Amino acid sequence: MTRIKEDIIRDVMTKITHDRKYAKNLVEAILRIVKQSLAAGEEVMISGFGYFKVRHKRARIGRNPKTKVAYEISERTVVTFYPSKVFRKELNPTSD
């Protein structure tokens, strides 16, 4: 199942017991801060969750696996997510 922003807003609304407009503004504000920070080249660390980091990838030569034709993949900036140890533990609990 794919979670969309509306699902998150609805969940926040029920958890904080406020109206939808307040929950939407809260979620939008958090996302806006994260996006602005990443656009400025800063890392965003959320304790117990993980951190987001901006990486620059150089241009390189790629190859279409079907036709074997080579083409240039342009230089780009990407955002990568690194989960925290706590979050990784929740995703992969040990069977003790």
Protein backbone atom coordinates (compact mmCIF):
# COMPACT_ATOMS: atom_id res chain seq x y z
CA MET A 1 0.00 0.00 0.00
CA THR A 2 1.29 3.46 -0.86
CA ARG A 3 0.74 6.16 1.73
CA ILE A 4 -0.10 9.55 0.30
CA LYS A 5 0.10 12.93 2.00
CA GLU A 6 -3.64 12.95 2.68
CA ASP A 7 -3.29 9.70 4.65
CA ILE A 8 -0.54 11.26 6.75
CA ILE A 9 -2.63 14.39 7.36
CA ARG A 10 -5.57 12.24 8.44
CA ASP A 11 -3.36 10.25 10.85
CA VAL A 12 -1.84 13.42 12.31
CA MET A 13 -5.32 14.88 12.73
CA THR A 14 -6.49 11.89 14.78
CA LYS A 15 -3.28 11.67 16.85
CA ILE A 16 -3.24 15.34 17.87
CA THR A 17 -7.04 15.63 18.04
CA HIS A 18 -7.19 18.85 16.07
CA ASP A 19 -9.11 19.75 12.95
CA ARG A 20 -7.97 18.80 9.45
CA LYS A 21 -6.84 22.32 8.56
CA TYR A 22 -4.46 22.47 11.54
CA ALA A 23 -3.05 19.00 10.79
CA LYS A 24 -2.59 19.89 7.11
CA ASN A 25 -0.76 23.11 7.99
CA LEU A 26 1.47 21.20 10.39
CA VAL A 27 2.41 18.52 7.85
CA GLU A 28 2.92 21.12 5.10
CA ALA A 29 5.17 23.22 7.36
CA ILE A 30 7.35 20.23 8.24
CA LEU A 31 7.70 19.19 4.61
CA ARG A 32 8.45 22.77 3.54
CA ILE A 33 11.24 23.04 6.15
CA VAL A 34 12.75 19.71 5.05
CA LYS A 35 12.64 20.69 1.36
CA GLN A 36 14.14 24.14 1.98
CA SER A 37 16.94 22.67 4.08
CA LEU A 38 17.78 20.07 1.45
CA ALA A 39 17.65 22.68 -1.33
CA ALA A 40 20.18 24.73 0.67
CA GLY A 41 22.47 21.67 0.74
CA GLU A 42 21.93 20.91 4.42
CA GLU A 43 21.40 17.45 5.87
CA VAL A 44 18.13 16.85 7.72
CA MET A 45 18.37 14.51 10.70
CA ILE A 46 15.25 13.27 12.48
CA SER A 47 16.25 11.47 15.65
CA GLY A 48 14.99 7.88 15.80
CA PHE A 49 14.02 7.98 12.12
CA GLY A 50 17.06 8.79 10.00
CA TYR A 51 18.57 11.52 7.91
CA PHE A 52 18.25 12.92 4.43
CA LYS A 53 21.34 13.99 2.53
CA VAL A 54 21.83 15.74 -0.81
CA ARG A 55 24.30 14.03 -3.14
CA HIS A 56 25.69 15.15 -6.46
CA LYS A 57 26.14 12.49 -9.11
CA ARG A 58 28.54 12.98 -11.99
CA ALA A 59 27.56 12.47 -15.60
CA ARG A 60 28.22 8.93 -16.79
CA ILE A 61 27.65 6.57 -19.66
CA GLY A 62 24.69 4.21 -19.33
CA ARG A 63 23.57 1.36 -21.53
CA ASN A 64 20.10 0.24 -22.55
CA PRO A 65 20.04 -3.43 -21.47
CA LYS A 66 17.70 -4.41 -24.31
CA THR A 67 19.41 -2.72 -27.24
CA LYS A 68 22.92 -2.37 -25.75
CA VAL A 69 22.99 1.22 -27.06
CA ALA A 70 25.15 3.52 -24.91
CA TYR A 71 23.87 6.96 -23.87
CA GLU A 72 24.93 9.71 -21.50
CA ILE A 73 23.22 10.01 -18.13
CA SER A 74 23.39 13.68 -17.19
CA GLU A 75 24.81 15.10 -13.99
CA ARG A 76 22.19 15.36 -11.28
CA THR A 77 21.48 16.10 -7.65
CA VAL A 78 19.63 13.46 -5.66
CA VAL A 79 18.33 13.10 -2.12
CA THR A 80 19.25 9.93 -0.26
CA PHE A 81 17.76 8.63 2.97
CA TYR A 82 19.74 6.79 5.62
CA PRO A 83 17.59 5.15 8.32
CA SER A 84 18.72 5.39 11.94
CA LYS A 85 19.79 2.32 13.90
CA VAL A 86 16.56 2.53 15.89
CA PHE A 87 14.45 2.54 12.73
CA ARG A 88 16.47 -0.28 11.14
CA LYS A 89 15.92 -2.35 14.29
CA GLU A 90 12.16 -1.78 14.04
CA LEU A 91 12.18 -2.84 10.39
CA ASN A 92 14.33 -5.91 11.00
CA PRO A 93 13.57 -7.23 14.50
CA THR A 94 15.71 -10.12 15.63
CA SER A 95 13.95 -13.36 16.42
CA ASP A 96 15.37 -13.87 19.95
